[in-house]
Amino acid sequence: MDNYDNDIELQESEAEMFEHFRFDVDKGQSALRIDKYLMGRLENATRNKIQQAAQAGNILVNNVAVKSNYKVKPKDIITIVLSEPPRDTSIYAEEIPLHILYEDDDLIVVDKQAGLVVHPGHGNYSGTLLHGLKYHFQQHGNDSIEPLLAHRIDKDTSGVLVIAKDENILAKLAKQFFDHSIERKYQALVWGNFEEDNGTIDGNLARNPKNRLQMTVFPEGEIGKHAVTHYRLLERFGYVSLIECQLETGRTHQIRAHMKYIGHPIFNDARYGGDQILKGTTFTKYKQYVQNCFTIIPRQALHAKSLKFIHPRTGKSLFFETSLPDDFSAVIEKWRNYSQHVLQDEN
């Protein structure tokens, strides 16, 4: 691969954190320093290595980074995360329902359903999109093909993905991502109303030092990687809004972190605070209404709606656009009805 391909792979490996170990602390656990607690549970671990991991922010308790002197409490959830995936993540064929939009000898485009993990990692050694693609290839007599990811979307984000079938195609797709020539548009339901109908968020993204599973914005540009998101208002529902986002860059959690940064977290995005009632009234009926909406779409309301790129071999421009999934459509319709009837009555 060329240098830009290596840079992209390095950026991806740095951006993503993989859970390697998880411990659910017993109800009867007495107070104990976390380094001592882990020494008794991690094979071949020294106290010095554990303390170094804590210093780097790789030991989390209830998703928050802690120091080595943290006292473990009953029912704590302890995870150890690292930038490289666990070993033994080989891809084998597994029958998984896939919605294939396009396929040829070089690549395949899928509409990924929410809840499907894209690639294996700790706790997800099976049941991923890559396992399903391996099965699909084998069923069509292509046992030797390995699915190669050109980009990713989160487990609970739905939408369009392109996957290469060989290293040469992957490298050419990667260059398009690197050059920002690929056009990606998302739709998101976010908290709050907007004064303007469109805007641009320009703020570097880096891992939150207090929560390694979360990205945060550093607007001055001295920390993190350059990230730009353009957004356009599609529909107003009073307390929430439907927007379209176009990515100029493609960083981990870019839309989720950027929308939180400007005060419009994605609806029901638990990692970025969108699973709280952030706008609206104090009426009990309203609170129950929002909880019902959370039940309808039990994930962040984010969908990778379209993807446009140049086919690496033919040079032809390819464009794919998908419909919103049922849960997303249902919650939009519920908010649309609320804004047209209930909200008007309240005002």
Protein backbone atom coordinates (compact mmCIF):
# COMPACT_ATOMS: atom_id res chain seq x y z
CA MET A 1 0.00 0.00 0.00
CA ASP A 2 1.02 3.62 -0.45
CA ASN A 3 1.83 5.89 2.48
CA TYR A 4 -1.65 7.44 2.57
CA ASP A 5 -3.16 3.98 3.01
CA ASN A 6 -0.87 3.26 5.95
CA ASP A 7 -1.78 6.63 7.46
CA ILE A 8 -5.48 5.86 7.15
CA GLU A 9 -5.05 2.46 8.80
CA LEU A 10 -3.02 4.05 11.60
CA GLN A 11 -5.67 6.73 12.16
CA GLU A 12 -8.41 4.10 12.31
CA SER A 13 -6.49 1.95 14.80
CA GLU A 14 -5.76 4.97 16.97
CA ALA A 15 -9.36 6.17 16.88
CA GLU A 16 -11.11 2.97 17.88
CA MET A 17 -10.87 1.44 21.35
CA PHE A 18 -11.51 -2.29 21.75
CA GLU A 19 -12.75 -3.86 24.96
CA HIS A 20 -10.32 -6.62 25.94
CA PHE A 21 -11.55 -7.55 29.42
CA ARG A 22 -14.72 -6.98 31.41
CA PHE A 23 -15.42 -7.71 35.08
CA ASP A 24 -18.76 -7.33 36.86
CA VAL A 25 -17.92 -6.75 40.52
CA ASP A 26 -19.78 -8.99 42.98
CA LYS A 27 -22.40 -7.54 45.33
CA GLY A 28 -20.33 -8.57 48.34
CA GLN A 29 -17.02 -7.09 47.18
CA SER A 30 -15.22 -5.10 49.90
CA ALA A 31 -13.37 -1.85 49.09
CA LEU A 32 -10.13 -2.69 47.27
CA ARG A 33 -7.72 -0.76 45.07
CA ILE A 34 -8.43 -1.56 41.45
CA ASP A 35 -4.83 -2.47 40.68
CA LYS A 36 -4.92 -5.12 43.42
CA TYR A 37 -8.35 -6.28 42.28
CA LEU A 38 -7.15 -6.79 38.69
CA MET A 39 -3.91 -8.50 39.67
CA GLY A 40 -5.96 -11.38 41.01
CA ARG A 41 -7.96 -11.68 37.80
CA LEU A 42 -5.60 -10.97 34.91
CA GLU A 43 -3.22 -13.73 33.93
CA ASN A 44 0.45 -12.69 33.79
CA ALA A 45 -0.40 -9.09 34.76
CA THR A 46 1.98 -7.15 36.98
CA ARG A 47 0.95 -4.28 39.20
CA ASN A 48 3.21 -1.97 37.22
CA LYS A 49 1.51 -2.87 33.92
CA ILE A 50 -1.92 -2.34 35.45
CA GLN A 51 -0.87 1.06 36.80
CA GLN A 52 0.50 2.05 33.38
CA ALA A 53 -2.80 1.06 31.76
CA ALA A 54 -4.69 3.17 34.29
CA GLN A 55 -2.35 6.12 33.71
CA ALA A 56 -3.07 5.89 29.96
CA GLY A 57 -6.81 5.99 30.63
CA ASN A 58 -7.38 2.41 29.48
CA ILE A 59 -9.07 1.13 32.65
CA LEU A 60 -12.69 2.18 32.89
CA VAL A 61 -15.19 1.79 35.69
CA ASN A 62 -18.77 2.28 34.53
CA ASN A 63 -17.34 3.75 31.29
CA VAL A 64 -15.24 6.38 33.09
CA ALA A 65 -11.42 6.22 33.20
CA VAL A 66 -10.02 5.73 36.71
CA LYS A 67 -6.59 5.82 38.34
CA SER A 68 -4.92 2.80 39.89
CA ASN A 69 -5.89 3.86 43.42
CA TYR A 70 -9.62 3.76 42.66
CA LYS A 71 -11.47 1.67 45.24
CA VAL A 72 -13.62 -1.00 43.62
CA LYS A 73 -17.25 -1.05 44.81
CA PRO A 74 -20.00 -3.67 44.54
CA LYS A 75 -21.71 -3.82 41.12
CA ASP A 76 -18.97 -1.78 39.42
CA ILE A 77 -18.41 -2.72 35.78
CA ILE A 78 -14.69 -2.71 35.01
CA THR A 79 -13.44 -2.77 31.42
CA ILE A 80 -9.96 -2.65 29.97
CA VAL A 81 -9.80 -1.05 26.52
CA LEU A 82 -6.89 -0.84 24.11
CA SER A 83 -6.40 0.65 20.66
CA GLU A 84 -5.63 -2.67 18.96
CA PRO A 85 -8.29 -5.36 18.62
CA PRO A 86 -7.91 -8.56 20.61
CA ARG A 87 -6.08 -11.34 18.80
CA ASP A 88 -7.99 -14.31 17.43
CA THR A 89 -10.43 -12.23 15.42
CA SER A 90 -10.30 -14.44 12.33
CA ILE A 91 -13.32 -14.20 10.06
CA TYR A 92 -15.28 -17.38 9.42
CA ALA A 93 -18.51 -17.84 7.51
CA GLU A 94 -21.72 -17.29 9.47
CA GLU A 95 -25.22 -17.03 8.05
CA ILE A 96 -26.52 -13.54 8.84
CA PRO A 97 -29.33 -11.72 7.02
CA LEU A 98 -27.86 -8.98 4.83
CA HIS A 99 -29.47 -6.31 2.67
CA ILE A 100 -27.22 -6.11 -0.38
CA LEU A 101 -27.63 -3.01 -2.55
CA TYR A 102 -24.97 -3.79 -5.15
CA GLU A 103 -22.25 -6.33 -5.87
CA ASP A 104 -19.66 -7.01 -8.56
CA ASP A 105 -16.29 -8.75 -8.75
CA ASP A 106 -14.54 -5.88 -6.91
CA LEU A 107 -16.82 -4.67 -4.15
CA ILE A 108 -20.14 -5.01 -2.38
CA VAL A 109 -22.47 -2.34 -0.97
CA VAL A 110 -24.81 -3.17 1.91
CA ASP A 111 -27.50 -1.42 3.91
CA LYS A 112 -26.45 -2.41 7.45
CA GLN A 113 -29.21 -2.91 9.98
CA ALA A 114 -28.98 -1.29 13.42
CA GLY A 115 -27.62 -3.64 16.06
CA LEU A 116 -25.22 -5.42 13.70
CA VAL A 117 -21.55 -5.04 14.67
CA VAL A 118 -19.37 -4.33 11.63
CA HIS A 119 -16.20 -6.20 12.60
CA PRO A 120 -15.15 -8.61 15.37
CA GLY A 121 -13.69 -7.48 18.67
CA HIS A 122 -13.78 -8.54 22.30
CA GLY A 123 -17.30 -9.72 23.09
CA ASN A 124 -18.17 -9.81 19.38
CA TYR A 125 -16.11 -12.67 17.98
CA SER A 126 -19.09 -13.79 15.91
CA GLY A 127 -22.28 -12.40 14.44
CA THR A 128 -20.68 -9.41 12.69
CA LEU A 129 -21.19 -8.00 9.22
CA LEU A 130 -17.84 -9.42 8.11
CA HIS A 131 -18.87 -12.92 9.21
CA GLY A 132 -22.09 -12.58 7.23
CA LEU A 133 -20.24 -11.36 4.14
CA LYS A 134 -17.81 -14.28 4.35
CA TYR A 135 -20.81 -16.65 4.34
CA HIS A 136 -22.38 -14.76 1.42
CA PHE A 137 -19.19 -15.04 -0.63
CA GLN A 138 -18.87 -18.77 0.09
CA GLN A 139 -22.48 -19.39 -0.91
CA HIS A 140 -21.64 -17.89 -4.29
CA GLY A 141 -18.53 -20.03 -4.77
CA ASN A 142 -15.98 -17.44 -3.65
CA ASP A 143 -14.36 -19.14 -0.66
CA SER A 144 -11.09 -17.24 -1.04
CA ILE A 145 -12.54 -13.71 -0.86
CA GLU A 146 -12.01 -11.81 2.39
CA PRO A 147 -14.28 -8.79 3.02
CA LEU A 148 -12.14 -5.66 3.53
CA LEU A 149 -13.64 -2.60 5.22
CA ALA A 150 -13.10 0.75 3.53
CA HIS A 151 -15.00 2.57 6.31
CA ARG A 152 -17.20 1.81 9.31
CA ILE A 153 -20.38 2.82 11.06
CA ASP A 154 -21.27 2.14 14.67
CA LYS A 155 -23.18 -0.94 15.77
CA ASP A 156 -26.39 0.98 16.48
CA THR A 157 -26.14 3.21 13.40
CA SER A 158 -27.87 1.88 10.30
CA GLY A 159 -27.12 2.55 6.67
CA VAL A 160 -24.85 2.25 3.65
CA LEU A 161 -21.38 0.66 3.69
CA VAL A 162 -19.03 -0.28 0.85
CA ILE A 163 -16.70 -3.26 1.32
CA ALA A 164 -13.79 -4.19 -0.96
CA LYS A 165 -13.00 -7.71 -2.14
CA ASP A 166 -9.25 -7.29 -2.59
CA GLU A 167 -6.40 -5.10 -1.34
CA ASN A 168 -6.06 -3.13 -4.59
CA ILE A 169 -9.71 -2.06 -4.58
CA LEU A 170 -9.48 -1.28 -0.87
CA ALA A 171 -6.47 0.99 -1.44
CA LYS A 172 -8.26 2.92 -4.18
CA LEU A 173 -11.39 3.33 -2.09
CA ALA A 174 -9.24 4.39 0.86
CA LYS A 175 -7.68 7.13 -1.26
CA GLN A 176 -11.13 8.50 -2.08
CA PHE A 177 -11.93 8.64 1.64
CA PHE A 178 -8.53 10.23 2.28
CA ASP A 179 -9.13 12.85 -0.43
CA HIS A 180 -12.68 13.53 0.87
CA SER A 181 -14.04 12.84 -2.63
CA ILE A 182 -16.58 10.30 -1.39
CA GLU A 183 -19.94 11.88 -0.60
CA ARG A 184 -21.66 10.57 2.54
CA LYS A 185 -24.95 11.86 3.87
CA TYR A 186 -26.63 10.89 7.12
CA GLN A 187 -29.99 11.68 8.66
CA ALA A 188 -30.29 12.23 12.39
CA LEU A 189 -33.03 13.12 14.84
CA VAL A 190 -31.48 15.50 17.35
CA TRP A 191 -32.61 17.35 20.46
CA GLY A 192 -33.64 21.00 20.18
CA ASN A 193 -34.61 23.52 17.55
CA PHE A 194 -32.25 25.40 15.24
CA GLU A 195 -32.12 29.12 14.62
CA GLU A 196 -30.50 28.58 11.22
CA ASP A 197 -31.52 26.12 8.53
CA ASN A 198 -27.95 24.96 7.91
CA GLY A 199 -24.48 25.22 9.34
CA THR A 200 -20.98 23.75 9.60
CA ILE A 201 -19.23 22.29 12.63
CA ASP A 202 -15.44 22.51 12.49
CA GLY A 203 -13.76 21.09 15.55
CA ASN A 204 -10.96 18.60 16.12
CA LEU A 205 -11.95 15.28 17.64
CA ALA A 206 -9.97 13.28 20.18
CA ARG A 207 -10.76 10.73 22.81
CA ASN A 208 -12.26 12.13 25.99
CA PRO A 209 -9.56 11.77 28.69
CA LYS A 210 -12.24 11.07 31.31
CA ASN A 211 -14.20 8.59 29.20
CA ARG A 212 -12.14 6.66 26.67
CA LEU A 213 -15.25 5.34 24.92
CA GLN A 214 -16.36 8.86 24.03
CA MET A 215 -14.93 11.40 21.58
CA THR A 216 -14.87 15.08 22.42
CA VAL A 217 -14.32 18.32 20.48
CA PHE A 218 -11.20 20.48 20.83
CA PRO A 219 -12.12 23.64 18.89
CA GLU A 220 -8.71 25.28 19.00
CA GLY A 221 -7.21 22.58 16.79
CA GLU A 222 -4.14 21.76 18.87
CA ILE A 223 -5.43 18.36 19.99
CA GLY A 224 -7.09 15.61 17.98
CA LYS A 225 -7.86 15.14 14.31
CA HIS A 226 -9.46 17.70 12.01
CA ALA A 227 -13.19 17.05 11.60
CA VAL A 228 -15.85 18.93 9.61
CA THR A 229 -19.59 18.22 9.52
CA HIS A 230 -22.09 20.15 7.40
CA TYR A 231 -25.72 19.95 8.47
CA ARG A 232 -29.04 21.00 6.95
CA LEU A 233 -32.41 21.21 8.68
CA LEU A 234 -35.03 18.92 7.13
CA GLU A 235 -37.96 19.23 9.54
CA ARG A 236 -38.76 20.88 12.86
CA PHE A 237 -40.76 19.07 15.54
CA GLY A 238 -40.55 21.65 18.32
CA TYR A 239 -38.37 19.89 20.89
CA VAL A 240 -36.46 17.78 18.38
CA SER A 241 -35.34 18.28 14.76
CA LEU A 242 -34.63 16.06 11.77
CA ILE A 243 -31.39 17.02 10.05
CA GLU A 244 -29.17 15.86 7.22
CA CYS A 245 -25.42 15.72 7.85
CA GLN A 246 -22.76 15.58 5.17
CA LEU A 247 -19.31 14.48 6.26
CA GLU A 248 -16.26 16.29 4.95
CA THR A 249 -14.08 14.06 7.13
CA GLY A 250 -14.87 10.68 8.63
CA ARG A 251 -13.74 10.44 12.25
CA THR A 252 -14.94 8.02 14.89
CA HIS A 253 -18.31 9.18 16.30
CA GLN A 254 -17.94 12.42 14.31
CA ILE A 255 -21.62 13.32 13.97
CA ARG A 256 -22.46 12.12 17.48
CA ALA A 257 -19.69 14.18 19.11
CA HIS A 258 -20.18 17.24 16.90
CA MET A 259 -23.92 17.41 17.54
CA LYS A 260 -23.38 17.15 21.29
CA TYR A 261 -20.78 19.93 21.04
CA ILE A 262 -23.28 22.38 19.52
CA GLY A 263 -25.96 21.45 22.05
CA HIS A 264 -28.03 19.11 19.86
CA PRO A 265 -27.21 15.52 20.93
CA ILE A 266 -28.67 12.76 18.79
CA PHE A 267 -31.98 11.47 20.12
CA ASN A 268 -31.49 8.45 22.42
CA ASP A 269 -27.70 8.44 22.00
CA ALA A 270 -26.79 7.01 25.39
CA ARG A 271 -23.05 7.54 25.01
CA TYR A 272 -23.44 11.27 24.32
CA GLY A 273 -26.31 12.15 26.63
CA GLY A 274 -29.14 11.95 24.12
CA ASP A 275 -30.98 9.36 26.19
CA GLN A 276 -32.07 12.07 28.64
CA ILE A 277 -35.02 14.44 28.24
CA LEU A 278 -33.07 17.52 27.16
CA LYS A 279 -35.86 19.70 25.75
CA GLY A 280 -39.56 20.05 26.47
CA THR A 281 -41.89 20.41 29.39
CA THR A 282 -42.00 19.01 32.91
CA PHE A 283 -45.43 17.46 32.36
CA THR A 284 -45.64 13.81 33.39
CA LYS A 285 -47.45 12.97 30.16
CA TYR A 286 -44.62 14.50 28.13
CA LYS A 287 -41.99 12.55 30.03
CA GLN A 288 -43.90 9.35 29.37
CA TYR A 289 -44.25 10.32 25.72
CA VAL A 290 -40.47 10.69 25.37
CA GLN A 291 -39.89 7.38 27.12
CA ASN A 292 -42.27 5.78 24.64
CA CYS A 293 -40.21 7.31 21.82
CA PHE A 294 -37.05 5.84 23.34
CA THR A 295 -38.77 2.45 23.35
CA ILE A 296 -39.64 2.79 19.66
CA ILE A 297 -36.02 3.50 18.71
CA PRO A 298 -33.81 1.95 21.43
CA ARG A 299 -30.61 3.34 19.88
CA GLN A 300 -29.18 6.59 18.57
CA ALA A 301 -31.42 7.98 15.81
CA LEU A 302 -28.69 8.08 13.16
CA HIS A 303 -28.80 6.57 9.66
CA ALA A 304 -26.14 6.57 6.93
CA LYS A 305 -28.60 7.42 4.18
CA SER A 306 -26.51 7.74 1.03
CA LEU A 307 -23.07 7.06 -0.38
CA LYS A 308 -21.53 8.28 -3.63
CA PHE A 309 -18.10 7.21 -4.91
CA ILE A 310 -16.14 6.40 -8.06
CA HIS A 311 -15.80 2.71 -8.86
CA PRO A 312 -12.05 2.00 -8.52
CA ARG A 313 -11.89 -0.21 -11.61
CA THR A 314 -14.47 1.19 -14.05
CA GLY A 315 -14.27 4.87 -13.12
CA LYS A 316 -18.06 5.02 -13.07
CA SER A 317 -19.81 7.16 -10.46
CA LEU A 318 -21.97 5.03 -8.17
CA PHE A 319 -24.71 6.40 -5.93
CA PHE A 320 -26.72 4.50 -3.32
CA GLU A 321 -29.55 5.85 -1.20
CA THR A 322 -31.54 3.93 1.40
CA SER A 323 -34.84 4.40 3.17
CA LEU A 324 -34.94 5.09 6.88
CA PRO A 325 -35.42 1.90 8.92
CA ASP A 326 -38.81 1.20 10.46
CA ASP A 327 -37.88 2.30 13.99
CA PHE A 328 -36.49 5.62 12.73
CA SER A 329 -39.51 6.27 10.49
CA ALA A 330 -41.90 5.41 13.33
CA VAL A 331 -40.33 7.80 15.83
CA ILE A 332 -40.28 10.62 13.24
CA GLU A 333 -43.96 10.10 12.54
CA LYS A 334 -44.69 10.13 16.27
CA TRP A 335 -42.86 13.45 16.71
CA ARG A 336 -44.48 14.88 13.59
CA ASN A 337 -47.93 14.09 15.01
CA TYR A 338 -46.95 15.54 18.38
CA SER A 339 -45.71 18.81 16.88
CA GLN A 340 -48.80 19.21 14.72
CA HIS A 341 -51.37 18.47 17.42
CA VAL A 342 -50.25 18.22 21.04
CA LEU A 343 -47.55 20.90 20.89
CA GLN A 344 -49.88 23.40 19.23
CA ASP A 345 -52.48 22.79 21.96
CA GLU A 346 -49.84 23.35 24.66
CA ASN A 347 -48.88 26.68 23.09
